[in-house]
N, C-alpha and C. Protein backbone atom coordinates (compact mmCIF):
# COMPACT_ATOMS: atom_id res chain seq x y z
N GLN A 1 0.89 -0.87 0.08
CA GLN A 1 0.05 -0.14 0.07
C GLN A 1 0.91 1.42 -0.01
N VAL A 2 0.73 2.31 -0.62
CA VAL A 2 1.75 3.59 -1.33
C VAL A 2 1.21 4.60 -0.01
N GLN A 3 1.47 5.22 0.49
CA GLN A 3 1.07 6.23 1.30
C GLN A 3 1.82 7.26 1.28
N LEU A 4 2.08 8.34 0.93
CA LEU A 4 2.31 9.77 0.81
C LEU A 4 1.52 10.57 2.06
N VAL A 5 2.70 11.05 3.24
CA VAL A 5 1.61 11.59 4.10
C VAL A 5 2.46 12.89 4.21
N GLU A 6 2.03 14.05 3.62
CA GLU A 6 2.43 15.58 4.17
C GLU A 6 2.13 16.72 5.73
N SER A 7 3.54 16.66 6.52
CA SER A 7 3.31 17.92 7.49
C SER A 7 3.70 18.82 6.87
N GLY A 8 3.91 20.04 8.61
CA GLY A 8 4.71 21.00 8.26
C GLY A 8 3.53 22.47 7.79
N GLY A 9 2.77 22.15 7.03
CA GLY A 9 1.73 23.14 7.07
C GLY A 9 1.11 23.63 8.28
N GLY A 10 0.79 25.33 7.57
CA GLY A 10 0.46 25.50 8.87
C GLY A 10 -0.41 27.28 8.85
N LEU A 11 -0.38 27.99 9.72
CA LEU A 11 -0.69 29.69 9.16
C LEU A 11 0.44 30.43 10.02
N VAL A 12 1.13 31.31 8.96
CA VAL A 12 2.47 32.11 8.72
C VAL A 12 1.85 33.30 8.53
N GLN A 13 2.94 33.99 9.55
CA GLN A 13 2.29 36.19 8.15
C GLN A 13 3.20 35.79 7.47
N PRO A 14 2.87 37.25 6.38
CA PRO A 14 3.80 37.07 5.26
C PRO A 14 5.15 37.16 5.67
N GLY A 15 6.11 37.34 5.10
CA GLY A 15 7.51 36.76 4.98
C GLY A 15 8.14 36.07 6.04
N GLY A 16 6.85 35.51 6.05
CA GLY A 16 7.98 33.81 6.76
C GLY A 16 8.18 32.64 6.14
N SER A 17 7.87 32.02 6.89
CA SER A 17 8.77 30.73 6.26
C SER A 17 8.41 29.35 7.20
N LEU A 18 8.05 28.69 6.00
CA LEU A 18 7.89 26.60 6.17
C LEU A 18 8.50 26.13 5.89
N ARG A 19 8.34 24.47 6.38
CA ARG A 19 9.01 23.70 5.56
C ARG A 19 7.81 22.61 5.81
N LEU A 20 7.37 22.14 4.59
CA LEU A 20 6.68 20.76 4.62
C LEU A 20 7.64 19.68 4.05
N SER A 21 6.89 18.61 4.64
CA SER A 21 7.58 17.46 4.37
C SER A 21 6.90 16.72 3.85
N CYS A 22 7.08 15.44 3.55
CA CYS A 22 6.64 14.56 2.50
C CYS A 22 6.71 12.75 2.42
N ALA A 23 6.97 12.01 3.60
CA ALA A 23 7.78 10.95 3.52
C ALA A 23 6.45 9.47 3.05
N ALA A 24 7.02 9.09 1.71
CA ALA A 24 6.95 7.84 2.09
C ALA A 24 6.89 6.43 1.72
N SER A 25 5.78 5.58 1.22
CA SER A 25 5.99 4.24 1.93
C SER A 25 5.16 3.38 1.18
N GLY A 26 5.51 2.43 1.12
CA GLY A 26 5.17 1.81 -0.39
C GLY A 26 5.17 1.78 -2.24
N ILE A 27 6.55 2.55 -1.42
CA ILE A 27 7.21 2.13 -3.49
C ILE A 27 8.60 2.55 -3.21
N ARG A 28 9.46 2.10 -4.11
CA ARG A 28 10.81 2.01 -3.79
C ARG A 28 11.31 3.88 -4.13
N PHE A 29 10.97 4.58 -3.31
CA PHE A 29 10.95 6.12 -3.38
C PHE A 29 12.28 6.71 -4.26
N SER A 30 13.80 6.14 -4.07
CA SER A 30 14.86 6.34 -4.90
C SER A 30 14.95 6.56 -5.99
N MET A 31 13.53 5.83 -6.57
CA MET A 31 13.06 5.60 -7.94
C MET A 31 12.21 6.61 -8.65
N TYR A 32 11.73 7.10 -7.80
CA TYR A 32 10.41 8.29 -8.36
C TYR A 32 11.58 9.68 -8.13
N PRO A 33 10.94 10.61 -9.12
CA PRO A 33 10.78 11.89 -9.22
C PRO A 33 9.56 12.01 -8.60
N MET A 34 9.89 13.49 -7.62
CA MET A 34 8.84 13.67 -6.34
C MET A 34 9.06 15.13 -6.87
N ASN A 35 6.88 15.60 -6.76
CA ASN A 35 6.94 17.01 -6.84
C ASN A 35 5.76 17.45 -5.42
N TRP A 36 6.40 18.53 -6.16
CA TRP A 36 5.12 19.42 -5.06
C TRP A 36 4.12 20.29 -6.15
N TYR A 37 2.60 20.17 -5.72
CA TYR A 37 1.31 21.35 -5.97
C TYR A 37 0.28 21.71 -4.78
N ARG A 38 0.25 22.85 -5.33
CA ARG A 38 -0.50 24.17 -4.68
C ARG A 38 -1.96 24.13 -5.53
N GLN A 39 -2.88 23.71 -4.48
CA GLN A 39 -3.98 24.10 -5.34
C GLN A 39 -4.87 25.42 -3.95
N ALA A 40 -5.20 26.71 -4.58
CA ALA A 40 -5.87 27.80 -4.13
C ALA A 40 -7.39 27.79 -4.47
N PRO A 41 -8.33 28.25 -3.33
CA PRO A 41 -9.78 28.56 -3.64
C PRO A 41 -9.80 28.71 -5.18
N GLY A 42 -10.86 27.87 -5.54
CA GLY A 42 -11.13 28.33 -6.90
C GLY A 42 -10.06 28.59 -8.30
N LYS A 43 -9.54 27.56 -8.02
CA LYS A 43 -8.02 27.59 -8.66
C LYS A 43 -7.65 26.66 -9.31
N GLU A 44 -7.32 26.12 -10.27
CA GLU A 44 -7.17 24.57 -10.58
C GLU A 44 -5.32 24.35 -9.89
N ARG A 45 -4.63 23.14 -9.72
CA ARG A 45 -3.56 22.51 -8.83
C ARG A 45 -2.29 22.84 -10.42
N GLU A 46 -1.56 23.86 -9.10
CA GLU A 46 -0.58 23.60 -10.52
C GLU A 46 0.80 22.93 -9.72
N LEU A 47 1.52 23.00 -10.72
CA LEU A 47 2.80 22.61 -10.03
C LEU A 47 3.80 23.31 -9.49
N VAL A 48 4.74 23.61 -8.24
CA VAL A 48 5.28 24.49 -7.52
C VAL A 48 6.70 23.85 -8.38
N ALA A 49 6.96 22.92 -7.66
CA ALA A 49 8.26 22.42 -7.20
C ALA A 49 8.37 20.42 -7.71
N ALA A 50 9.68 20.65 -8.58
CA ALA A 50 10.13 18.94 -9.14
C ALA A 50 11.79 18.64 -8.22
N ILE A 51 11.93 17.32 -8.47
CA ILE A 51 12.97 17.10 -8.05
C ILE A 51 13.24 15.75 -8.86
N SER A 52 14.24 15.34 -9.51
CA SER A 52 14.65 14.29 -10.05
C SER A 52 14.64 13.20 -9.02
N ASN A 53 15.12 11.56 -9.39
CA ASN A 53 14.78 10.70 -8.12
C ASN A 53 16.20 11.00 -7.22
N GLY A 54 17.64 11.34 -8.51
CA GLY A 54 18.29 11.21 -7.13
C GLY A 54 18.67 12.73 -6.65
N GLY A 55 17.54 13.39 -7.03
CA GLY A 55 17.92 15.03 -6.51
C GLY A 55 18.48 15.77 -7.20
N GLY A 56 19.46 15.31 -8.14
CA GLY A 56 20.44 16.20 -8.55
C GLY A 56 19.88 17.67 -9.45
N SER A 57 18.65 17.27 -10.28
CA SER A 57 17.74 18.04 -10.69
C SER A 57 15.91 18.93 -10.13
N THR A 58 16.55 20.13 -10.55
CA THR A 58 14.85 20.71 -9.58
C THR A 58 14.57 21.50 -10.67
N ASN A 59 13.26 22.02 -10.71
CA ASN A 59 12.49 23.10 -11.10
C ASN A 59 11.29 23.24 -10.02
N TYR A 60 11.02 24.71 -10.77
CA TYR A 60 10.19 25.32 -10.02
C TYR A 60 9.12 26.10 -10.90
N ALA A 61 8.07 26.36 -10.17
CA ALA A 61 7.64 27.62 -11.07
C ALA A 61 8.10 28.76 -10.92
N ASP A 62 7.70 29.52 -11.58
CA ASP A 62 8.26 31.31 -11.73
C ASP A 62 7.65 31.71 -10.32
N SER A 63 6.35 31.73 -9.85
CA SER A 63 5.73 32.32 -8.98
C SER A 63 6.72 31.83 -7.53
N VAL A 64 7.69 30.89 -7.48
CA VAL A 64 8.04 30.50 -6.35
C VAL A 64 9.51 31.00 -6.62
N LYS A 65 10.15 31.12 -7.52
CA LYS A 65 11.65 30.35 -7.92
C LYS A 65 12.60 31.53 -6.88
N GLY A 66 13.39 31.38 -6.48
CA GLY A 66 14.60 32.58 -5.04
C GLY A 66 13.56 31.88 -3.97
N ARG A 67 12.56 31.60 -3.61
CA ARG A 67 11.58 31.62 -2.46
C ARG A 67 11.73 30.21 -1.74
N PHE A 68 11.20 29.10 -2.90
CA PHE A 68 11.03 28.04 -2.32
C PHE A 68 12.50 27.39 -2.68
N THR A 69 13.12 26.15 -1.85
CA THR A 69 13.60 24.84 -2.72
C THR A 69 12.74 23.51 -1.83
N ILE A 70 13.26 22.40 -3.54
CA ILE A 70 12.64 21.31 -2.97
C ILE A 70 14.10 20.39 -2.79
N SER A 71 13.60 19.64 -1.56
CA SER A 71 14.97 18.62 -1.38
C SER A 71 14.70 17.69 -1.31
N ARG A 72 15.36 16.38 -1.37
CA ARG A 72 14.63 14.93 -0.51
C ARG A 72 15.76 14.48 0.21
N ASP A 73 15.52 13.07 0.39
CA ASP A 73 16.49 12.60 1.53
C ASP A 73 15.69 10.69 1.23
N ASN A 74 16.91 9.91 0.06
CA ASN A 74 16.21 9.11 -0.19
C ASN A 74 16.10 8.09 0.92
N ALA A 75 17.80 8.12 2.01
CA ALA A 75 17.43 7.41 3.05
C ALA A 75 16.13 7.74 3.99
N LYS A 76 15.66 8.42 4.26
CA LYS A 76 14.39 8.73 4.71
C LYS A 76 12.98 8.48 4.03
N ASN A 77 12.93 8.10 2.75
CA ASN A 77 12.36 8.53 2.37
C ASN A 77 11.30 9.84 2.25
N THR A 78 11.58 10.84 2.33
CA THR A 78 11.25 12.13 2.71
C THR A 78 11.58 12.90 1.31
N VAL A 79 10.85 13.83 0.96
CA VAL A 79 10.80 15.14 0.15
C VAL A 79 10.57 15.87 0.95
N TYR A 80 11.10 17.57 0.58
CA TYR A 80 10.89 18.74 1.92
C TYR A 80 10.65 19.76 0.72
N LEU A 81 9.95 21.09 1.19
CA LEU A 81 10.37 21.86 0.17
C LEU A 81 10.17 22.94 1.42
N GLN A 82 11.07 23.80 1.20
CA GLN A 82 11.57 25.12 2.19
C GLN A 82 10.97 26.14 1.46
N MET A 83 10.18 26.80 2.00
CA MET A 83 9.48 27.72 1.53
C MET A 83 9.66 29.44 2.39
N ASN A 84 9.90 29.99 1.75
CA ASN A 84 11.11 31.53 2.58
C ASN A 84 10.33 32.81 1.36
N SER A 85 10.23 33.77 2.35
CA SER A 85 9.78 35.23 2.05
C SER A 85 7.98 34.61 1.73
N LEU A 86 7.44 33.98 2.42
CA LEU A 86 5.89 33.56 1.68
C LEU A 86 5.38 34.74 1.68
N LYS A 87 4.43 34.65 0.59
CA LYS A 87 2.84 36.07 0.51
C LYS A 87 2.00 35.18 0.46
N PRO A 88 1.11 35.84 0.51
CA PRO A 88 -0.45 35.73 1.26
C PRO A 88 -1.28 34.82 -0.73
N GLU A 89 -0.39 35.54 -1.41
CA GLU A 89 -1.08 34.50 -2.83
C GLU A 89 -0.26 33.06 -2.83
N ASP A 90 0.48 32.81 -1.40
CA ASP A 90 0.62 30.76 -1.47
C ASP A 90 -0.26 30.48 -0.44
N THR A 91 -1.15 31.27 -0.86
CA THR A 91 -2.21 30.39 0.58
C THR A 91 -2.72 28.87 -0.50
N ALA A 92 -2.82 27.92 -0.13
CA ALA A 92 -3.42 26.62 -0.65
C ALA A 92 -2.97 25.20 0.54
N ILE A 93 -3.33 24.79 -0.31
CA ILE A 93 -3.54 23.46 -0.12
C ILE A 93 -2.21 22.58 -0.58
N TYR A 94 -1.35 21.99 0.09
CA TYR A 94 0.03 21.77 -0.90
C TYR A 94 0.33 20.48 -0.99
N TYR A 95 0.36 19.46 -1.71
CA TYR A 95 0.38 17.73 -2.35
C TYR A 95 1.20 17.57 -2.46
N CYS A 96 1.91 16.89 -2.73
CA CYS A 96 3.75 15.39 -2.86
C CYS A 96 2.76 14.52 -3.93
N CYS A 97 3.73 14.74 -4.54
CA CYS A 97 3.19 13.44 -5.80
C CYS A 97 4.28 12.76 -5.95
N ALA A 98 4.15 11.17 -6.24
CA ALA A 98 4.94 10.95 -7.02
C ALA A 98 4.60 10.55 -7.89
N LYS A 99 5.79 10.42 -9.47
CA LYS A 99 5.45 9.82 -10.99
C LYS A 99 6.48 9.30 -11.36
N LEU A 100 6.20 8.34 -11.91
CA LEU A 100 7.23 7.28 -12.88
C LEU A 100 6.34 6.47 -13.71
N ALA A 101 6.60 6.28 -14.94
CA ALA A 101 6.40 5.34 -15.68
C ALA A 101 4.82 5.36 -16.18
N GLY A 102 3.88 6.74 -15.12
CA GLY A 102 2.60 6.42 -15.82
C GLY A 102 2.07 6.47 -14.34
N ALA A 103 2.65 5.91 -13.81
CA ALA A 103 2.00 5.69 -11.58
C ALA A 103 1.92 6.82 -11.34
N GLN A 104 1.14 7.26 -10.78
CA GLN A 104 1.55 8.27 -9.69
C GLN A 104 0.77 8.39 -8.67
N TYR A 105 1.28 9.10 -7.51
CA TYR A 105 0.51 8.71 -6.13
C TYR A 105 0.55 10.19 -5.82
N TRP A 106 -0.60 10.44 -4.87
CA TRP A 106 -0.27 12.04 -4.43
C TRP A 106 -1.02 11.15 -2.63
N GLY A 107 -0.02 12.58 -1.92
CA GLY A 107 -0.71 12.75 -0.12
C GLY A 107 -1.96 13.39 -0.43
N GLN A 108 -2.58 13.16 0.93
CA GLN A 108 -3.66 14.20 1.19
C GLN A 108 -3.69 15.76 1.25
N GLY A 109 -2.79 16.01 1.27
CA GLY A 109 -1.96 17.63 1.27
C GLY A 109 -2.26 18.37 2.63
N THR A 110 -1.57 19.57 2.86
CA THR A 110 -1.48 19.98 3.90
C THR A 110 -1.50 21.54 3.90
N GLN A 111 -2.38 22.23 4.70
CA GLN A 111 -3.61 23.67 4.20
C GLN A 111 -1.68 24.50 4.75
N VAL A 112 -1.58 26.09 4.00
CA VAL A 112 -0.67 26.42 4.01
C VAL A 112 -1.33 28.13 4.24
N THR A 113 -1.37 28.56 4.95
CA THR A 113 -2.49 30.06 5.46
C THR A 113 -1.17 30.74 5.30
N VAL A 114 -1.02 31.81 4.67
CA VAL A 114 0.26 33.41 4.79
C VAL A 114 -1.14 34.20 4.85
N SER A 115 -1.34 34.84 6.01
CA SER A 115 -2.03 35.76 6.25
C SER A 115 -1.73 36.62 7.87
N SER A 116 -1.43 37.72 7.77
CA SER A 116 -1.07 38.74 8.54
C SER A 116 -2.63 38.53 9.90
C-alpha cells in the first residue's frame, strides 16, 4: 500500500517561512521523481516544484523561484519543500506527488495559510 503523508503546514505571516515534509512508504522512493503541487480555492492545481529521483535536478514554477527549495533524503524516503518569504498568494493546500512511468501517487495535502 502506497502512502504519501505531508506535514508542516500551518498559518504564517507574510514574509515568514515554513518547511513541508512528505514521507513516502510502499514505493521504491529512490526511483521516483517527486513533485509538490498546490491548489488555492477556486483555482486549478499547479505544479510548484519538482526534483529528480537522485536529487540532482530541480525545477520551479516562476512564481516561487528564489523563495522555495525542494530537496529529498532518499535514506528517509522523504521530500521537503522549504518555503521562504511567503506571500498571501502562496495560500493553498500543498500536495506531494510521486510519478513514474504512468503511475502516480498523491498525498492528502497540507494547508498553508499566509496571513497577517
